[in-house]
Amino acid sequence: MPERIRHAPLGNKKVKQPNAEVHIITDQCKGCGFCIKFCPKKVLEESQEINARGVHPPKILDESKCIICSFCTAVCPDFAIFVVEKPCKEERHIKHD
């Protein structure tokens, strides 16, 4: 019988959280609140600001909590929010030949 190969447990190494950059197009927002409601990390909340449509768009509470799941982007009916990953500090200093 062949010998079984043993692997390290999957959760053995810490996974580095991505560096998120949340973009809100405030005047495109109609204030439905879906992005706020469905954010699993509670990154957003309703702002006191009033946009061109006369509603309160979301504001960012803590961008560092964002895991770039993009639920906010997926549920926004007005395409008023999107998230991109910021490069790590180490990646910024790497020069490509």
PDB file of N, CA and C in Angstrom:
ATOM      1  N   MET A   1       0.846  -1.181   0.000  1.00  0.00           N
ATOM      2  CA  MET A   1       0.000   0.000   0.000  1.00  0.00           C
ATOM      3  C   MET A   1       0.895   1.250   0.000  1.00  0.00           C
ATOM      4  N   PRO A   2       0.605   2.248  -0.869  1.00  0.00           N
ATOM      5  CA  PRO A   2       1.450   3.441  -0.932  1.00  0.00           C
ATOM      6  C   PRO A   2       1.343   4.276   0.344  1.00  0.00           C
ATOM      7  N   GLU A   3       2.429   4.956   0.642  1.00  0.00           N
ATOM      8  CA  GLU A   3       2.473   5.806   1.832  1.00  0.00           C
ATOM      9  C   GLU A   3       1.667   7.082   1.578  1.00  0.00           C
ATOM     10  N   ARG A   4       0.919   7.500   2.569  1.00  0.00           N
ATOM     11  CA  ARG A   4       0.097   8.713   2.434  1.00  0.00           C
ATOM     12  C   ARG A   4       0.956   9.947   2.633  1.00  0.00           C
ATOM     13  N   ILE A   5       0.709  10.945   1.819  1.00  0.00           N
ATOM     14  CA  ILE A   5       1.430  12.217   1.926  1.00  0.00           C
ATOM     15  C   ILE A   5       0.702  13.093   2.942  1.00  0.00           C
ATOM     16  N   ARG A   6       1.448  13.638   3.860  1.00  0.00           N
ATOM     17  CA  ARG A   6       0.854  14.512   4.881  1.00  0.00           C
ATOM     18  C   ARG A   6       1.101  15.968   4.495  1.00  0.00           C
ATOM     19  N   HIS A   7       0.062  16.756   4.627  1.00  0.00           N
ATOM     20  CA  HIS A   7       0.142  18.189   4.317  1.00  0.00           C
ATOM     21  C   HIS A   7      -0.081  18.990   5.587  1.00  0.00           C
ATOM     22  N   ALA A   8       0.416  20.200   5.576  1.00  0.00           N
ATOM     23  CA  ALA A   8       0.176  21.111   6.695  1.00  0.00           C
ATOM     24  C   ALA A   8      -1.286  21.531   6.692  1.00  0.00           C
ATOM     25  N   PRO A   9      -1.859  21.798   7.840  1.00  0.00           N
ATOM     26  CA  PRO A   9      -3.257  22.255   7.890  1.00  0.00           C
ATOM     27  C   PRO A   9      -3.448  23.527   7.068  1.00  0.00           C
ATOM     28  N   LEU A  10      -4.632  23.670   6.488  1.00  0.00           N
ATOM     29  CA  LEU A  10      -4.899  24.819   5.627  1.00  0.00           C
ATOM     30  C   LEU A  10      -4.816  26.150   6.357  1.00  0.00           C
ATOM     31  N   GLY A  11      -5.217  26.213   7.590  1.00  0.00           N
ATOM     32  CA  GLY A  11      -5.205  27.466   8.343  1.00  0.00           C
ATOM     33  C   GLY A  11      -3.895  27.719   9.057  1.00  0.00           C
ATOM     34  N   ASN A  12      -2.854  27.030   8.668  1.00  0.00           N
ATOM     35  CA  ASN A  12      -1.571  27.108   9.352  1.00  0.00           C
ATOM     36  C   ASN A  12      -0.912  28.484   9.226  1.00  0.00           C
ATOM     37  N   LYS A  13      -1.022  29.105   8.071  1.00  0.00           N
ATOM     38  CA  LYS A  13      -0.399  30.417   7.858  1.00  0.00           C
ATOM     39  C   LYS A  13      -1.471  31.502   7.879  1.00  0.00           C
ATOM     40  N   LYS A  14      -1.091  32.630   8.404  1.00  0.00           N
ATOM     41  CA  LYS A  14      -2.021  33.770   8.430  1.00  0.00           C
ATOM     42  C   LYS A  14      -2.190  34.331   7.021  1.00  0.00           C
ATOM     43  N   VAL A  15      -3.418  34.612   6.657  1.00  0.00           N
ATOM     44  CA  VAL A  15      -3.705  35.230   5.369  1.00  0.00           C
ATOM     45  C   VAL A  15      -3.716  36.737   5.578  1.00  0.00           C
ATOM     46  N   LYS A  16      -2.980  37.452   4.744  1.00  0.00           N
ATOM     47  CA  LYS A  16      -2.899  38.903   4.867  1.00  0.00           C
ATOM     48  C   LYS A  16      -4.164  39.538   4.297  1.00  0.00           C
ATOM     49  N   GLN A  17      -4.800  40.406   5.059  1.00  0.00           N
ATOM     50  CA  GLN A  17      -6.001  41.093   4.598  1.00  0.00           C
ATOM     51  C   GLN A  17      -5.637  42.071   3.484  1.00  0.00           C
ATOM     52  N   PRO A  18      -6.441  42.105   2.419  1.00  0.00           N
ATOM     53  CA  PRO A  18      -6.146  43.034   1.328  1.00  0.00           C
ATOM     54  C   PRO A  18      -6.314  44.488   1.772  1.00  0.00           C
ATOM     55  N   ASN A  19      -5.658  45.362   1.070  1.00  0.00           N
ATOM     56  CA  ASN A  19      -5.728  46.794   1.324  1.00  0.00           C
ATOM     57  C   ASN A  19      -6.779  47.381   0.377  1.00  0.00           C
ATOM     58  N   ALA A  20      -7.925  47.741   0.886  1.00  0.00           N
ATOM     59  CA  ALA A  20      -9.044  48.173   0.050  1.00  0.00           C
ATOM     60  C   ALA A  20      -9.105  49.684  -0.120  1.00  0.00           C
ATOM     61  N   GLU A  21      -9.650  50.072  -1.251  1.00  0.00           N
ATOM     62  CA  GLU A  21      -9.925  51.479  -1.545  1.00  0.00           C
ATOM     63  C   GLU A  21     -11.371  51.534  -2.039  1.00  0.00           C
ATOM     64  N   VAL A  22     -12.270  52.083  -1.222  1.00  0.00           N
ATOM     65  CA  VAL A  22     -13.694  52.141  -1.543  1.00  0.00           C
ATOM     66  C   VAL A  22     -13.989  53.470  -2.231  1.00  0.00           C
ATOM     67  N   HIS A  23     -14.680  53.395  -3.366  1.00  0.00           N
ATOM     68  CA  HIS A  23     -15.043  54.589  -4.128  1.00  0.00           C
ATOM     69  C   HIS A  23     -16.565  54.707  -4.172  1.00  0.00           C
ATOM     70  N   ILE A  24     -17.069  55.851  -3.741  1.00  0.00           N
ATOM     71  CA  ILE A  24     -18.508  56.116  -3.771  1.00  0.00           C
ATOM     72  C   ILE A  24     -18.751  57.296  -4.694  1.00  0.00           C
ATOM     73  N   ILE A  25     -19.608  57.098  -5.681  1.00  0.00           N
ATOM     74  CA  ILE A  25     -19.996  58.179  -6.586  1.00  0.00           C
ATOM     75  C   ILE A  25     -21.281  58.752  -5.990  1.00  0.00           C
ATOM     76  N   THR A  26     -21.127  59.735  -5.120  1.00  0.00           N
ATOM     77  CA  THR A  26     -22.234  60.200  -4.280  1.00  0.00           C
ATOM     78  C   THR A  26     -23.424  60.730  -5.073  1.00  0.00           C
ATOM     79  N   ASP A  27     -23.195  61.473  -6.140  1.00  0.00           N
ATOM     80  CA  ASP A  27     -24.325  62.038  -6.885  1.00  0.00           C
ATOM     81  C   ASP A  27     -25.062  60.996  -7.723  1.00  0.00           C
ATOM     82  N   GLN A  28     -24.510  59.815  -7.869  1.00  0.00           N
ATOM     83  CA  GLN A  28     -25.169  58.734  -8.604  1.00  0.00           C
ATOM     84  C   GLN A  28     -26.026  57.877  -7.672  1.00  0.00           C
ATOM     85  N   CYS A  29     -25.816  58.002  -6.370  1.00  0.00           N
ATOM     86  CA  CYS A  29     -26.509  57.194  -5.367  1.00  0.00           C
ATOM     87  C   CYS A  29     -27.947  57.669  -5.184  1.00  0.00           C
ATOM     88  N   LYS A  30     -28.889  56.703  -5.095  1.00  0.00           N
ATOM     89  CA  LYS A  30     -30.283  57.066  -4.834  1.00  0.00           C
ATOM     90  C   LYS A  30     -30.700  56.778  -3.394  1.00  0.00           C
ATOM     91  N   GLY A  31     -29.737  56.379  -2.556  1.00  0.00           N
ATOM     92  CA  GLY A  31     -30.001  56.225  -1.132  1.00  0.00           C
ATOM     93  C   GLY A  31     -30.758  54.980  -0.733  1.00  0.00           C
ATOM     94  N   CYS A  32     -30.659  53.903  -1.491  1.00  0.00           N
ATOM     95  CA  CYS A  32     -31.402  52.676  -1.178  1.00  0.00           C
ATOM     96  C   CYS A  32     -30.859  51.990   0.076  1.00  0.00           C
ATOM     97  N   GLY A  33     -29.558  52.165   0.371  1.00  0.00           N
ATOM     98  CA  GLY A  33     -28.963  51.585   1.568  1.00  0.00           C
ATOM     99  C   GLY A  33     -28.553  50.124   1.449  1.00  0.00           C
ATOM    100  N   PHE A  34     -28.665  49.539   0.265  1.00  0.00           N
ATOM    101  CA  PHE A  34     -28.299  48.131   0.091  1.00  0.00           C
ATOM    102  C   PHE A  34     -26.824  47.895   0.430  1.00  0.00           C
ATOM    103  N   CYS A  35     -25.965  48.808   0.015  1.00  0.00           N
ATOM    104  CA  CYS A  35     -24.522  48.644   0.271  1.00  0.00           C
ATOM    105  C   CYS A  35     -24.241  48.623   1.772  1.00  0.00           C
ATOM    106  N   ILE A  36     -24.957  49.438   2.515  1.00  0.00           N
ATOM    107  CA  ILE A  36     -24.791  49.500   3.967  1.00  0.00           C
ATOM    108  C   ILE A  36     -25.323  48.221   4.611  1.00  0.00           C
ATOM    109  N   LYS A  37     -26.504  47.808   4.190  1.00  0.00           N
ATOM    110  CA  LYS A  37     -27.178  46.646   4.768  1.00  0.00           C
ATOM    111  C   LYS A  37     -26.424  45.344   4.514  1.00  0.00           C
ATOM    112  N   PHE A  38     -25.875  45.169   3.321  1.00  0.00           N
ATOM    113  CA  PHE A  38     -25.272  43.891   2.959  1.00  0.00           C
ATOM    114  C   PHE A  38     -23.767  43.810   3.183  1.00  0.00           C
ATOM    115  N   CYS A  39     -23.136  44.850   3.663  1.00  0.00           N
ATOM    116  CA  CYS A  39     -21.692  44.811   3.924  1.00  0.00           C
ATOM    117  C   CYS A  39     -21.429  43.908   5.131  1.00  0.00           C
ATOM    118  N   PRO A  40     -20.703  42.789   4.943  1.00  0.00           N
ATOM    119  CA  PRO A  40     -20.485  41.869   6.064  1.00  0.00           C
ATOM    120  C   PRO A  40     -19.566  42.430   7.147  1.00  0.00           C
ATOM    121  N   LYS A  41     -18.771  43.434   6.825  1.00  0.00           N
ATOM    122  CA  LYS A  41     -17.836  44.007   7.790  1.00  0.00           C
ATOM    123  C   LYS A  41     -18.278  45.374   8.306  1.00  0.00           C
ATOM    124  N   LYS A  42     -19.445  45.821   7.914  1.00  0.00           N
ATOM    125  CA  LYS A  42     -20.010  47.104   8.364  1.00  0.00           C
ATOM    126  C   LYS A  42     -19.041  48.263   8.124  1.00  0.00           C
ATOM    127  N   VAL A  43     -18.562  48.355   6.889  1.00  0.00           N
ATOM    128  CA  VAL A  43     -17.613  49.390   6.492  1.00  0.00           C
ATOM    129  C   VAL A  43     -18.317  50.720   6.221  1.00  0.00           C
ATOM    130  N   LEU A  44     -19.603  50.674   5.887  1.00  0.00           N
ATOM    131  CA  LEU A  44     -20.337  51.876   5.474  1.00  0.00           C
ATOM    132  C   LEU A  44     -21.452  52.238   6.449  1.00  0.00           C
ATOM    133  N   GLU A  45     -21.820  53.509   6.426  1.00  0.00           N
ATOM    134  CA  GLU A  45     -22.999  53.984   7.149  1.00  0.00           C
ATOM    135  C   GLU A  45     -23.592  55.142   6.362  1.00  0.00           C
ATOM    136  N   GLU A  46     -24.834  55.509   6.681  1.00  0.00           N
ATOM    137  CA  GLU A  46     -25.483  56.625   5.989  1.00  0.00           C
ATOM    138  C   GLU A  46     -24.831  57.937   6.430  1.00  0.00           C
ATOM    139  N   SER A  47     -24.558  58.788   5.473  1.00  0.00           N
ATOM    140  CA  SER A  47     -23.937  60.077   5.804  1.00  0.00           C
ATOM    141  C   SER A  47     -25.003  61.133   6.083  1.00  0.00           C
ATOM    142  N   GLN A  48     -24.583  62.254   6.603  1.00  0.00           N
ATOM    143  CA  GLN A  48     -25.482  63.383   6.827  1.00  0.00           C
ATOM    144  C   GLN A  48     -25.546  64.279   5.593  1.00  0.00           C
ATOM    145  N   GLU A  49     -24.631  64.046   4.663  1.00  0.00           N
ATOM    146  CA  GLU A  49     -24.565  64.804   3.408  1.00  0.00           C
ATOM    147  C   GLU A  49     -25.801  64.508   2.546  1.00  0.00           C
ATOM    148  N   ILE A  50     -26.217  65.495   1.770  1.00  0.00           N
ATOM    149  CA  ILE A  50     -27.306  65.295   0.821  1.00  0.00           C
ATOM    150  C   ILE A  50     -26.732  65.485  -0.572  1.00  0.00           C
ATOM    151  N   ASN A  51     -26.974  64.495  -1.445  1.00  0.00           N
ATOM    152  CA  ASN A  51     -26.399  64.550  -2.791  1.00  0.00           C
ATOM    153  C   ASN A  51     -27.322  65.270  -3.772  1.00  0.00           C
ATOM    154  N   ALA A  52     -26.990  65.222  -5.050  1.00  0.00           N
ATOM    155  CA  ALA A  52     -27.758  65.904  -6.092  1.00  0.00           C
ATOM    156  C   ALA A  52     -29.173  65.346  -6.233  1.00  0.00           C
ATOM    157  N   ARG A  53     -29.371  64.105  -5.814  1.00  0.00           N
ATOM    158  CA  ARG A  53     -30.703  63.477  -5.875  1.00  0.00           C
ATOM    159  C   ARG A  53     -31.538  63.761  -4.626  1.00  0.00           C
ATOM    160  N   GLY A  54     -30.937  64.427  -3.657  1.00  0.00           N
ATOM    161  CA  GLY A  54     -31.661  64.779  -2.435  1.00  0.00           C
ATOM    162  C   GLY A  54     -31.726  63.667  -1.411  1.00  0.00           C
ATOM    163  N   VAL A  55     -30.789  62.725  -1.468  1.00  0.00           N
ATOM    164  CA  VAL A  55     -30.769  61.618  -0.509  1.00  0.00           C
ATOM    165  C   VAL A  55     -29.428  61.588   0.223  1.00  0.00           C
ATOM    166  N   HIS A  56     -29.378  60.779   1.254  1.00  0.00           N
ATOM    167  CA  HIS A  56     -28.152  60.615   2.037  1.00  0.00           C
ATOM    168  C   HIS A  56     -27.368  59.421   1.485  1.00  0.00           C
ATOM    169  N   PRO A  57     -26.262  59.664   0.787  1.00  0.00           N
ATOM    170  CA  PRO A  57     -25.446  58.555   0.290  1.00  0.00           C
ATOM    171  C   PRO A  57     -24.654  57.920   1.441  1.00  0.00           C
ATOM    172  N   PRO A  58     -24.071  56.756   1.201  1.00  0.00           N
ATOM    173  CA  PRO A  58     -23.262  56.150   2.264  1.00  0.00           C
ATOM    174  C   PRO A  58     -21.948  56.897   2.455  1.00  0.00           C
ATOM    175  N   LYS A  59     -21.352  56.683   3.610  1.00  0.00           N
ATOM    176  CA  LYS A  59     -19.998  57.183   3.857  1.00  0.00           C
ATOM    177  C   LYS A  59     -19.194  56.027   4.437  1.00  0.00           C
ATOM    178  N   ILE A  60     -17.901  56.125   4.327  1.00  0.00           N
ATOM    179  CA  ILE A  60     -17.013  55.074   4.777  1.00  0.00           C
ATOM    180  C   ILE A  60     -16.715  55.259   6.263  1.00  0.00           C
ATOM    181  N   LEU A  61     -16.997  54.209   7.044  1.00  0.00           N
ATOM    182  CA  LEU A  61     -16.682  54.236   8.476  1.00  0.00           C
ATOM    183  C   LEU A  61     -15.227  53.866   8.716  1.00  0.00           C
ATOM    184  N   ASP A  62     -14.838  52.690   8.211  1.00  0.00           N
ATOM    185  CA  ASP A  62     -13.478  52.196   8.420  1.00  0.00           C
ATOM    186  C   ASP A  62     -13.068  51.348   7.221  1.00  0.00           C
ATOM    187  N   GLU A  63     -12.366  51.972   6.289  1.00  0.00           N
ATOM    188  CA  GLU A  63     -11.952  51.323   5.056  1.00  0.00           C
ATOM    189  C   GLU A  63     -11.009  50.140   5.319  1.00  0.00           C
ATOM    190  N   SER A  64     -10.298  50.157   6.439  1.00  0.00           N
ATOM    191  CA  SER A  64      -9.363  49.080   6.751  1.00  0.00           C
ATOM    192  C   SER A  64     -10.059  47.758   7.058  1.00  0.00           C
ATOM    193  N   LYS A  65     -11.350  47.790   7.374  1.00  0.00           N
ATOM    194  CA  LYS A  65     -12.116  46.569   7.629  1.00  0.00           C
ATOM    195  C   LYS A  65     -12.560  45.877   6.338  1.00  0.00           C
ATOM    196  N   CYS A  66     -12.533  46.581   5.220  1.00  0.00           N
ATOM    197  CA  CYS A  66     -13.037  46.050   3.947  1.00  0.00           C
ATOM    198  C   CYS A  66     -12.206  44.856   3.486  1.00  0.00           C
ATOM    199  N   ILE A  67     -12.890  43.779   3.123  1.00  0.00           N
ATOM    200  CA  ILE A  67     -12.222  42.565   2.652  1.00  0.00           C
ATOM    201  C   ILE A  67     -12.366  42.391   1.135  1.00  0.00           C
ATOM    202  N   ILE A  68     -12.841  43.406   0.476  1.00  0.00           N
ATOM    203  CA  ILE A  68     -13.030  43.424  -0.983  1.00  0.00           C
ATOM    204  C   ILE A  68     -13.906  42.252  -1.440  1.00  0.00           C
ATOM    205  N   CYS A  69     -15.005  42.038  -0.743  1.00  0.00           N
ATOM    206  CA  CYS A  69     -15.957  40.998  -1.155  1.00  0.00           C
ATOM    207  C   CYS A  69     -16.797  41.485  -2.333  1.00  0.00           C
ATOM    208  N   SER A  70     -16.901  42.795  -2.480  1.00  0.00           N
ATOM    209  CA  SER A  70     -17.646  43.460  -3.556  1.00  0.00           C
ATOM    210  C   SER A  70     -19.150  43.226  -3.506  1.00  0.00           C
ATOM    211  N   PHE A  71     -19.676  42.883  -2.334  1.00  0.00           N
ATOM    212  CA  PHE A  71     -21.135  42.780  -2.196  1.00  0.00           C
ATOM    213  C   PHE A  71     -21.774  44.137  -2.480  1.00  0.00           C
ATOM    214  N   CYS A  72     -21.139  45.207  -2.001  1.00  0.00           N
ATOM    215  CA  CYS A  72     -21.689  46.549  -2.195  1.00  0.00           C
ATOM    216  C   CYS A  72     -21.828  46.858  -3.684  1.00  0.00           C
ATOM    217  N   THR A  73     -20.814  46.510  -4.446  1.00  0.00           N
ATOM    218  CA  THR A  73     -20.834  46.734  -5.891  1.00  0.00           C
ATOM    219  C   THR A  73     -21.920  45.908  -6.548  1.00  0.00           C
ATOM    220  N   ALA A  74     -22.063  44.664  -6.120  1.00  0.00           N
ATOM    221  CA  ALA A  74     -23.041  43.749  -6.721  1.00  0.00           C
ATOM    222  C   ALA A  74     -24.485  44.163  -6.444  1.00  0.00           C
ATOM    223  N   VAL A  75     -24.765  44.696  -5.257  1.00  0.00           N
ATOM    224  CA  VAL A  75     -26.154  45.019  -4.905  1.00  0.00           C
ATOM    225  C   VAL A  75     -26.567  46.440  -5.252  1.00  0.00           C
ATOM    226  N   CYS A  76     -25.620  47.287  -5.644  1.00  0.00           N
ATOM    227  CA  CYS A  76     -25.958  48.681  -5.950  1.00  0.00           C
ATOM    228  C   CYS A  76     -26.669  48.769  -7.305  1.00  0.00           C
ATOM    229  N   PRO A  77     -27.941  49.172  -7.312  1.00  0.00           N
ATOM    230  CA  PRO A  77     -28.671  49.266  -8.574  1.00  0.00           C
ATOM    231  C   PRO A  77     -28.230  50.439  -9.452  1.00  0.00           C
ATOM    232  N   ASP A  78     -27.472  51.373  -8.880  1.00  0.00           N
ATOM    233  CA  ASP A  78     -27.069  52.569  -9.614  1.00  0.00           C
ATOM    234  C   ASP A  78     -25.586  52.608  -9.968  1.00  0.00           C
ATOM    235  N   PHE A  79     -24.859  51.521  -9.685  1.00  0.00           N
ATOM    236  CA  PHE A  79     -23.425  51.460  -9.968  1.00  0.00           C
ATOM    237  C   PHE A  79     -22.696  52.651  -9.348  1.00  0.00           C
ATOM    238  N   ALA A  80     -23.084  52.983  -8.112  1.00  0.00           N
ATOM    239  CA  ALA A  80     -22.540  54.165  -7.441  1.00  0.00           C
ATOM    240  C   ALA A  80     -21.413  53.842  -6.466  1.00  0.00           C
ATOM    241  N   ILE A  81     -21.006  52.584  -6.396  1.00  0.00           N
ATOM    242  CA  ILE A  81     -19.930  52.212  -5.474  1.00  0.00           C
ATOM    243  C   ILE A  81     -19.105  51.092  -6.090  1.00  0.00           C
ATOM    244  N   PHE A  82     -17.804  51.164  -5.869  1.00  0.00           N
ATOM    245  CA  PHE A  82     -16.925  50.074  -6.283  1.00  0.00           C
ATOM    246  C   PHE A  82     -15.689  50.063  -5.399  1.00  0.00           C
ATOM    247  N   VAL A  83     -15.024  48.921  -5.371  1.00  0.00           N
ATOM    248  CA  VAL A  83     -13.867  48.727  -4.508  1.00  0.00           C
ATOM    249  C   VAL A  83     -12.712  48.198  -5.342  1.00  0.00           C
ATOM    250  N   VAL A  84     -11.528  48.744  -5.094  1.00  0.00           N
ATOM    251  CA  VAL A  84     -10.314  48.243  -5.733  1.00  0.00           C
ATOM    252  C   VAL A  84      -9.283  47.946  -4.651  1.00  0.00           C
ATOM    253  N   GLU A  85      -8.335  47.088  -4.995  1.00  0.00           N
ATOM    254  CA  GLU A  85      -7.281  46.763  -4.050  1.00  0.00           C
ATOM    255  C   GLU A  85      -6.100  47.700  -4.245  1.00  0.00           C
ATOM    256  N   LYS A  86      -5.662  48.309  -3.158  1.00  0.00           N
ATOM    257  CA  LYS A  86      -4.477  49.163  -3.192  1.00  0.00           C
ATOM    258  C   LYS A  86      -3.250  48.262  -3.159  1.00  0.00           C
ATOM    259  N   PRO A  87      -2.206  48.623  -3.894  1.00  0.00           N
ATOM    260  CA  PRO A  87      -0.986  47.815  -3.812  1.00  0.00           C
ATOM    261  C   PRO A  87      -0.361  47.934  -2.428  1.00  0.00           C
ATOM    262  N   CYS A  88       0.268  46.851  -1.988  1.00  0.00           N
ATOM    263  CA  CYS A  88       0.975  46.867  -0.698  1.00  0.00           C
ATOM    264  C   CYS A  88       2.180  47.784  -0.800  1.00  0.00           C
ATOM    265  N   LYS A  89       2.673  48.227   0.334  1.00  0.00           N
ATOM    266  CA  LYS A  89       3.847  49.105   0.344  1.00  0.00           C
ATOM    267  C   LYS A  89       5.039  48.425  -0.309  1.00  0.00           C
ATOM    268  N   GLU A  90       5.188  47.098  -0.091  1.00  0.00           N
ATOM    269  CA  GLU A  90       6.303  46.363  -0.692  1.00  0.00           C
ATOM    270  C   GLU A  90       6.174  46.340  -2.212  1.00  0.00           C
ATOM    271  N   GLU A  91       4.928  46.222  -2.723  1.00  0.00           N
ATOM    272  CA  GLU A  91       4.693  46.147  -4.162  1.00  0.00           C
ATOM    273  C   GLU A  91       4.992  47.478  -4.845  1.00  0.00           C
ATOM    274  N   ARG A  92       4.799  48.575  -4.149  1.00  0.00           N
ATOM    275  CA  ARG A  92       5.019  49.907  -4.737  1.00  0.00           C
ATOM    276  C   ARG A  92       6.488  50.151  -5.039  1.00  0.00           C
ATOM    277  N   HIS A  93       7.370  49.541  -4.244  1.00  0.00           N
ATOM    278  CA  HIS A  93       8.803  49.794  -4.398  1.00  0.00           C
ATOM    279  C   HIS A  93       9.510  48.831  -5.341  1.00  0.00           C
ATOM    280  N   ILE A  94       8.787  47.842  -5.829  1.00  0.00           N
ATOM    281  CA  ILE A  94       9.388  46.877  -6.743  1.00  0.00           C
ATOM    282  C   ILE A  94       9.437  47.491  -8.143  1.00  0.00           C
ATOM    283  N   LYS A  95      10.602  47.484  -8.729  1.00  0.00           N
ATOM    284  CA  LYS A  95      10.750  48.010 -10.083  1.00  0.00           C
ATOM    285  C   LYS A  95      10.773  46.830 -11.057  1.00  0.00           C
ATOM    286  N   HIS A  96       9.954  46.933 -12.086  1.00  0.00           N
ATOM    287  CA  HIS A  96       9.896  45.881 -13.105  1.00  0.00           C
ATOM    288  C   HIS A  96      10.796  46.264 -14.261  1.00  0.00           C
ATOM    289  N   ASP A  97      11.610  45.303 -14.740  1.00  0.00           N
ATOM    290  CA  ASP A  97      12.507  45.552 -15.865  1.00  0.00           C
ATOM    291  C   ASP A  97      11.815  45.298 -17.173  1.00  0.00           C
TER     292      ASP A  97
END
